[in-house]
Protein backbone atom coordinates (compact mmCIF):
# COMPACT_ATOMS: atom_id res chain seq x y z
CA UNK A 1 0.00 0.00 0.00
CA UNK A 2 2.78 2.39 0.94
CA UNK A 3 4.60 1.52 -2.26
CA UNK A 4 1.53 2.34 -4.34
CA UNK A 5 1.04 5.62 -2.47
CA UNK A 6 4.65 6.64 -2.97
CA UNK A 7 4.45 5.85 -6.68
CA UNK A 8 1.28 7.90 -7.02
CA UNK A 9 2.81 10.88 -5.22
CA UNK A 10 5.92 10.75 -7.41
CA UNK A 11 3.78 10.65 -10.53
CA UNK A 12 1.81 13.70 -9.40
CA UNK A 13 4.99 15.58 -8.49
CA UNK A 14 6.55 14.92 -11.89
CA UNK A 15 3.38 16.04 -13.61
CA UNK A 16 3.30 19.27 -11.65
CA UNK A 17 6.91 20.12 -12.45
CA UNK A 18 6.76 19.27 -16.14
CA UNK A 19 7.21 22.39 -18.25
CA UNK A 20 8.33 24.58 -15.36
CA UNK A 21 11.06 27.01 -16.59
CA UNK A 22 13.67 28.30 -14.17
CA UNK A 23 14.39 32.02 -14.51
CA UNK A 24 17.86 32.89 -15.78
CA UNK A 25 19.92 35.69 -14.21
CA UNK A 26 22.95 37.10 -16.02
CA UNK A 27 25.74 39.11 -14.41
CA UNK A 28 26.39 42.43 -16.20
CA UNK A 29 29.48 44.54 -15.52
CA UNK A 30 30.07 48.20 -16.31
CA UNK A 31 32.77 50.71 -15.40
CA UNK A 32 30.87 53.69 -13.98
CA UNK A 33 29.53 54.25 -10.44
CA UNK A 34 25.96 53.48 -9.49
CA UNK A 35 23.71 56.34 -10.60
CA UNK A 36 25.87 57.29 -13.60
CA UNK A 37 24.18 57.62 -16.99
CA UNK A 38 25.16 54.15 -18.18
CA UNK A 39 24.04 52.65 -14.88
CA UNK A 40 20.62 54.28 -15.15
CA UNK A 41 20.21 53.26 -18.79
CA UNK A 42 21.28 49.69 -18.09
CA UNK A 43 18.76 49.39 -15.27
CA UNK A 44 16.07 50.49 -17.71
CA UNK A 45 17.41 47.95 -20.19
CA UNK A 46 17.24 45.23 -17.55
CA UNK A 47 13.62 46.14 -16.80
CA UNK A 48 12.81 45.96 -20.52
CA UNK A 49 14.38 42.50 -20.85
CA UNK A 50 12.63 41.20 -17.74
CA UNK A 51 9.25 42.49 -18.92
CA UNK A 52 9.72 41.14 -22.46
CA UNK A 53 10.52 37.66 -21.12
CA UNK A 54 7.87 37.63 -18.37
CA UNK A 55 10.64 37.45 -15.79
CA UNK A 56 12.37 34.45 -17.40
CA UNK A 57 15.54 36.47 -18.07
CA UNK A 58 16.90 38.94 -15.53
CA UNK A 59 20.06 41.04 -15.42
CA UNK A 60 22.07 41.63 -12.26
CA UNK A 61 24.18 44.79 -12.61
CA UNK A 62 27.66 45.22 -11.12
CA UNK A 63 28.69 48.90 -11.49
CA UNK A 64 32.05 50.56 -10.83
CA UNK A 65 34.11 47.62 -12.15
CA UNK A 66 33.01 45.52 -9.17
CA UNK A 67 33.83 42.35 -11.13
CA UNK A 68 37.26 43.62 -12.21
CA UNK A 69 38.75 46.18 -14.59
CA UNK A 70 37.41 46.11 -18.13
CA UNK A 71 40.40 44.18 -19.49
CA UNK A 72 39.98 41.30 -17.05
CA UNK A 73 36.19 41.40 -17.46
CA UNK A 74 36.52 40.97 -21.22
CA UNK A 75 38.83 38.01 -20.68
CA UNK A 76 36.39 36.47 -18.19
CA UNK A 77 33.45 36.96 -20.54
CA UNK A 78 35.47 35.18 -23.21
CA UNK A 79 35.68 32.05 -21.03
CA UNK A 80 32.15 32.38 -19.64
CA UNK A 81 33.10 33.36 -16.08
CA UNK A 82 31.10 36.60 -16.45
CA UNK A 83 28.03 36.81 -18.66
CA UNK A 84 27.82 40.37 -19.99
CA UNK A 85 29.30 43.85 -19.87
CA UNK A 86 29.03 47.32 -21.35
CA UNK A 87 32.53 48.76 -21.52
CA UNK A 88 35.40 49.90 -23.77
CA UNK A 89 37.17 47.31 -25.89
CA UNK A 90 40.25 45.86 -24.20
CA UNK A 91 43.18 45.70 -26.61
CA UNK A 92 45.45 43.38 -24.61
CA UNK A 93 44.09 40.21 -26.23
CA UNK A 94 43.90 41.62 -29.76
CA UNK A 95 45.68 44.84 -30.71
CA UNK A 96 43.38 45.24 -33.69
CA UNK A 97 40.73 46.42 -31.26
CA UNK A 98 42.60 49.74 -31.23
CA UNK A 99 40.68 50.46 -34.43
CA UNK A 100 37.78 51.49 -32.18
CA UNK A 101 39.87 54.28 -30.63
CA UNK A 102 41.74 55.45 -33.73
CA UNK A 103 42.22 59.23 -33.41
CA UNK A 104 40.23 61.59 -35.63
CA UNK A 105 38.35 58.96 -37.61
CA UNK A 106 35.11 60.96 -37.36
CA UNK A 107 34.79 64.73 -37.31
CA UNK A 108 31.21 65.05 -36.07
CA UNK A 109 28.31 63.03 -34.68
CA UNK A 110 26.79 62.37 -38.08
CA UNK A 111 30.02 60.83 -39.36
CA UNK A 112 30.47 58.91 -36.11
CA UNK A 113 27.09 57.22 -36.46
CA UNK A 114 27.89 56.12 -40.02
CA UNK A 115 31.19 54.62 -38.88
CA UNK A 116 30.46 53.27 -35.40
CA UNK A 117 26.73 52.66 -35.73
CA UNK A 118 24.93 49.64 -37.22
CA UNK A 119 26.28 48.89 -40.68
CA UNK A 120 29.37 51.04 -40.11
CA UNK A 121 32.88 49.84 -40.89
CA UNK A 122 34.17 49.90 -37.32
CA UNK A 123 30.91 48.49 -35.93
CA UNK A 124 31.28 45.48 -38.25
CA UNK A 125 35.02 45.11 -37.58
CA UNK A 126 34.55 45.09 -33.81
CA UNK A 127 31.77 42.51 -34.06
CA UNK A 128 34.13 40.19 -35.94
CA UNK A 129 37.00 40.74 -33.50
CA UNK A 130 34.81 39.98 -30.50
CA UNK A 131 33.51 36.83 -32.19
CA UNK A 132 37.08 35.50 -32.37
CA UNK A 133 37.12 35.67 -28.55
CA UNK A 134 33.85 33.72 -28.18
CA UNK A 135 32.07 36.99 -27.43
CA UNK A 136 28.97 38.31 -29.17
CA UNK A 137 28.64 42.07 -29.57
CA UNK A 138 24.98 42.91 -28.99
CA UNK A 139 25.24 46.69 -29.38
CA UNK A 140 27.53 49.68 -29.59
CA UNK A 141 27.13 52.44 -26.99
CA UNK A 142 28.41 55.86 -28.19
CA UNK A 143 29.73 57.96 -25.31
CA UNK A 144 31.55 61.14 -26.44
CA UNK A 145 34.30 62.76 -28.47
CA UNK A 146 37.43 62.81 -26.34
CA UNK A 147 39.23 65.79 -24.92
CA UNK A 148 42.01 66.81 -22.56
CA UNK A 149 41.51 67.56 -18.87
CA UNK A 150 44.20 69.70 -17.24
CA UNK A 151 45.02 70.80 -13.73
CA UNK A 152 46.77 73.84 -15.20
CA UNK A 153 46.18 76.41 -17.92
CA UNK A 154 46.07 75.30 -21.55
CA UNK A 155 49.08 76.16 -23.72
CA UNK A 156 48.51 76.81 -27.44
CA UNK A 157 45.55 74.37 -27.47
CA UNK A 158 44.71 75.09 -31.13
CA UNK A 159 48.24 74.50 -32.43
CA UNK A 160 49.09 70.77 -32.47
CA UNK A 161 52.67 71.48 -33.53
CA UNK A 162 53.39 73.61 -30.43
CA UNK A 163 55.26 71.93 -27.58
CA UNK A 164 53.00 72.32 -24.56
CA UNK A 165 55.50 71.37 -21.85
CA UNK A 166 52.63 69.64 -20.05
CA UNK A 167 52.86 66.04 -18.90
CA UNK A 168 49.61 64.07 -19.18
CA UNK A 169 48.51 60.63 -18.10
CA UNK A 170 47.51 58.35 -20.96
CA UNK A 171 46.13 54.79 -20.95
CA UNK A 172 48.55 52.01 -21.79
CA UNK A 173 47.27 51.95 -25.37
CA UNK A 174 49.58 53.00 -28.17
CA UNK A 175 47.06 55.13 -30.07
CA UNK A 176 46.45 57.36 -27.03
CA UNK A 177 50.16 57.72 -26.26
CA UNK A 178 50.97 58.70 -29.83
CA UNK A 179 48.02 61.11 -30.01
CA UNK A 180 49.08 62.94 -26.86
CA UNK A 181 52.63 63.24 -28.19
CA UNK A 182 51.39 64.46 -31.58
CA UNK A 183 49.34 67.16 -29.85
CA UNK A 184 52.48 68.49 -28.19
CA UNK A 185 52.01 66.97 -24.74
CA UNK A 186 54.39 64.69 -22.85
CA UNK A 187 52.61 61.36 -22.47
CA UNK A 188 53.03 59.25 -19.37
CA UNK A 189 51.28 55.83 -19.28
CA UNK A 190 49.76 55.40 -15.82
CA UNK A 191 47.14 52.84 -14.69
CA UNK A 192 43.68 54.32 -14.27
CA UNK A 193 43.63 53.38 -10.58
CA UNK A 194 46.64 55.67 -9.99
CA UNK A 195 45.69 58.49 -12.37
CA UNK A 196 43.74 60.74 -10.00
CA UNK A 197 46.52 60.69 -7.40
CA UNK A 198 49.09 61.34 -10.12
CA UNK A 199 47.28 64.54 -11.13
CA UNK A 200 46.54 65.54 -7.55
CA UNK A 201 50.19 65.23 -6.50
CA UNK A 202 51.60 66.87 -9.64
CA UNK A 203 53.22 63.77 -11.13
CA UNK A 204 51.28 64.74 -14.25
CA UNK A 205 49.35 67.90 -15.06
CA UNK A 206 46.40 66.36 -16.84
CA UNK A 207 44.72 63.40 -18.48
CA UNK A 208 44.22 62.22 -22.06
CA UNK A 209 42.04 59.28 -23.06
CA UNK A 210 38.56 60.21 -21.89
CA UNK A 211 35.92 62.88 -22.48
CA UNK A 212 33.74 65.22 -20.47
CA UNK A 213 31.60 62.45 -18.95
CA UNK A 214 34.62 60.43 -17.88
CA UNK A 215 36.51 63.41 -16.52
CA UNK A 216 33.50 64.60 -14.58
CA UNK A 217 32.98 61.14 -13.12
CA UNK A 218 36.60 60.57 -12.07
CA UNK A 219 38.69 63.77 -12.33
CA UNK A 220 36.41 66.76 -11.77
CA UNK A 221 38.16 67.77 -8.53
CA UNK A 222 41.53 68.05 -10.30
CA UNK A 223 40.29 69.53 -13.58
CA UNK A 224 40.69 73.30 -13.93
CA UNK A 225 40.78 73.38 -17.75
CA UNK A 226 38.98 71.21 -20.30
CA UNK A 227 39.90 71.23 -23.99
CA UNK A 228 37.37 69.38 -26.20
CA UNK A 229 39.87 68.68 -28.95
CA UNK A 230 38.05 65.53 -30.20
CA UNK A 231 41.02 63.20 -29.68
CA UNK A 232 38.94 60.13 -30.52
CA UNK A 233 35.37 58.90 -30.57
CA UNK A 234 34.61 56.84 -27.48
CA UNK A 235 32.37 53.83 -27.94
CA UNK A 236 31.59 51.13 -25.41
CA UNK A 237 30.21 47.77 -26.41
CA UNK A 238 27.46 45.59 -24.97
CA UNK A 239 29.00 42.13 -25.06
CA UNK A 240 27.95 38.67 -23.93
CA UNK A 241 29.63 35.29 -23.84
CA UNK A 242 28.59 33.56 -27.07
CA UNK A 243 27.90 30.27 -25.32
CA UNK A 244 25.73 31.96 -22.73
CA UNK A 245 23.71 33.63 -25.47
CA UNK A 246 23.32 30.38 -27.41
CA UNK A 247 22.14 28.53 -24.30
CA UNK A 248 19.26 30.93 -23.70
CA UNK A 249 15.74 29.90 -24.59
CA UNK A 250 15.08 31.01 -28.18
CA UNK A 251 12.39 33.50 -27.17
CA UNK A 252 14.51 34.96 -24.37
CA UNK A 253 17.49 35.28 -26.71
CA UNK A 254 15.38 37.08 -29.30
CA UNK A 255 14.01 39.43 -26.62
CA UNK A 256 17.51 40.23 -25.37
CA UNK A 257 18.82 40.93 -28.87
CA UNK A 258 15.83 43.12 -29.73
CA UNK A 259 16.21 45.09 -26.50
CA UNK A 260 19.92 45.59 -27.24
CA UNK A 261 19.19 47.04 -30.69
CA UNK A 262 16.66 49.43 -29.16
CA UNK A 263 19.15 50.34 -26.41
CA UNK A 264 21.73 51.24 -29.05
CA UNK A 265 19.30 53.23 -31.20
CA UNK A 266 18.08 55.27 -28.22
CA UNK A 267 21.64 56.06 -27.17
CA UNK A 268 22.48 57.50 -30.59
CA UNK A 269 19.56 59.88 -30.09
CA UNK A 270 20.82 61.21 -26.74
CA UNK A 271 24.62 60.91 -26.74
CA UNK A 272 25.48 64.26 -28.31
CA UNK A 273 23.31 66.21 -25.88
CA UNK A 274 24.72 64.13 -23.05
CA UNK A 275 28.26 65.16 -24.01
CA UNK A 276 27.29 68.84 -23.96
CA UNK A 277 25.62 68.39 -20.58
CA UNK A 278 28.78 66.95 -19.04
CA UNK A 279 30.94 69.68 -20.52
CA UNK A 280 28.63 72.14 -18.76
CA UNK A 281 28.92 70.14 -15.53
CA UNK A 282 32.69 70.54 -15.67
CA UNK A 283 32.23 74.30 -16.11
CA UNK A 284 29.74 74.43 -13.25
CA UNK A 285 32.32 72.63 -11.13
CA UNK A 286 34.84 75.41 -11.81
CA UNK A 287 36.69 74.29 -14.93
CA UNK A 288 37.41 76.59 -17.86
CA UNK A 289 36.21 75.24 -21.20
CA UNK A 290 38.67 76.07 -24.00
CA UNK A 291 36.85 75.44 -27.27
CA UNK A 292 38.69 75.23 -30.59
CA UNK A 293 37.44 76.74 -33.83
CA UNK A 294 36.44 74.46 -36.70
CA UNK A 295 39.62 75.47 -38.53
CA UNK A 296 41.77 74.61 -35.51
CA UNK A 297 40.04 71.24 -35.17
CA UNK A 298 40.58 70.53 -38.85
CA UNK A 299 44.29 71.40 -38.68
CA UNK A 300 44.66 69.31 -35.53
CA UNK A 301 42.94 66.32 -37.12
CA UNK A 302 45.13 66.46 -40.22
CA UNK A 303 48.27 66.76 -38.10
CA UNK A 304 47.42 63.82 -35.85
CA UNK A 305 46.33 61.59 -38.73
CA UNK A 306 49.65 62.21 -40.48
CA UNK A 307 51.70 61.62 -37.34
CA UNK A 308 49.78 58.79 -35.68
CA UNK A 309 47.88 56.72 -38.21
CA UNK A 310 50.95 55.14 -39.91
CA UNK A 311 52.36 54.02 -36.56
CA UNK A 312 49.11 52.60 -35.20
CA UNK A 313 48.42 50.87 -38.51
CA UNK A 314 51.70 49.00 -38.10
CA UNK A 315 50.59 47.99 -34.60
CA UNK A 316 47.20 46.62 -35.68
CA UNK A 317 48.39 45.21 -38.99
CA UNK A 318 48.78 47.69 -41.82
CA UNK A 319 46.82 45.76 -44.44
CA UNK A 320 43.92 44.93 -42.13
CA UNK A 321 43.75 48.40 -40.58
CA UNK A 322 43.95 50.19 -43.93
CA UNK A 323 41.11 48.04 -45.25
CA UNK A 324 38.87 49.37 -42.48
CA UNK A 325 39.91 52.97 -43.09
CA UNK A 326 39.29 52.48 -46.81
CA UNK A 327 35.74 51.31 -46.10
CA UNK A 328 35.19 54.45 -43.99
CA UNK A 329 36.33 56.73 -46.79
CA UNK A 330 34.19 55.04 -49.44
């Protein structure tokens, strides 16, 4: 009797659990503090994904590089130890990813969208490079045109050939080092974690490699002058481990991909105004904004392209890199 009862109970239990789907939660890393623009937009994105999948797929955000710096996070996404991120491309694994931060590729927001947006030459190139690392690029996230933040007065900011006599921190990426040198600054590669202290203590007098949003987030208390010289166009990428994406339920995967496309499209609508807003925030915080004329920007762009592009092309592979630049100029 007990055996029959146990068998009946097991049968009922199996029937009740058949078809039950366990909700999936993905870890998502990003580099800015909680409450920053990207953090707010990603939380809205997470809500969209959860609603579109009836709660089957949820995103757990880890702001402020809580899961590691963006280089290590990209490596961990590649092996599936972290699911997703929105962050700059890390060039340590593949130097060709420097193509995303090539100086003076775009001169304005309209050009930037054609190059870095869907269907653009760099958008397509980055998607292919990520795929080689078992990473799927779901979207590009335009951030800003780069500039130079100084803890001193600007020196001949509109003349790229003038020696500035100002030492600036640059990321450990060749394109940024060469750009700073070409602009007349003395570049000093310093890890991001040490950059604020380096400016604060006078080891360097400024920072190259970011833009108004980044400088406001991390360097506003040591920025007395900001020069929006358009050093590069900053794009972050929404990336996910390819295996993780493939393992999702088909409907959840489609919902995630659709939400990512919408996330990217909305960002292109707001990014330019967002850049202007952060430039104003730097001014409101006490910094002097030193704008360049269109002629000065044009001369600067030509100078840096001539000085820097040949060297960076050798670093990324001249034939491959030139093929991307040729597609841009078509």
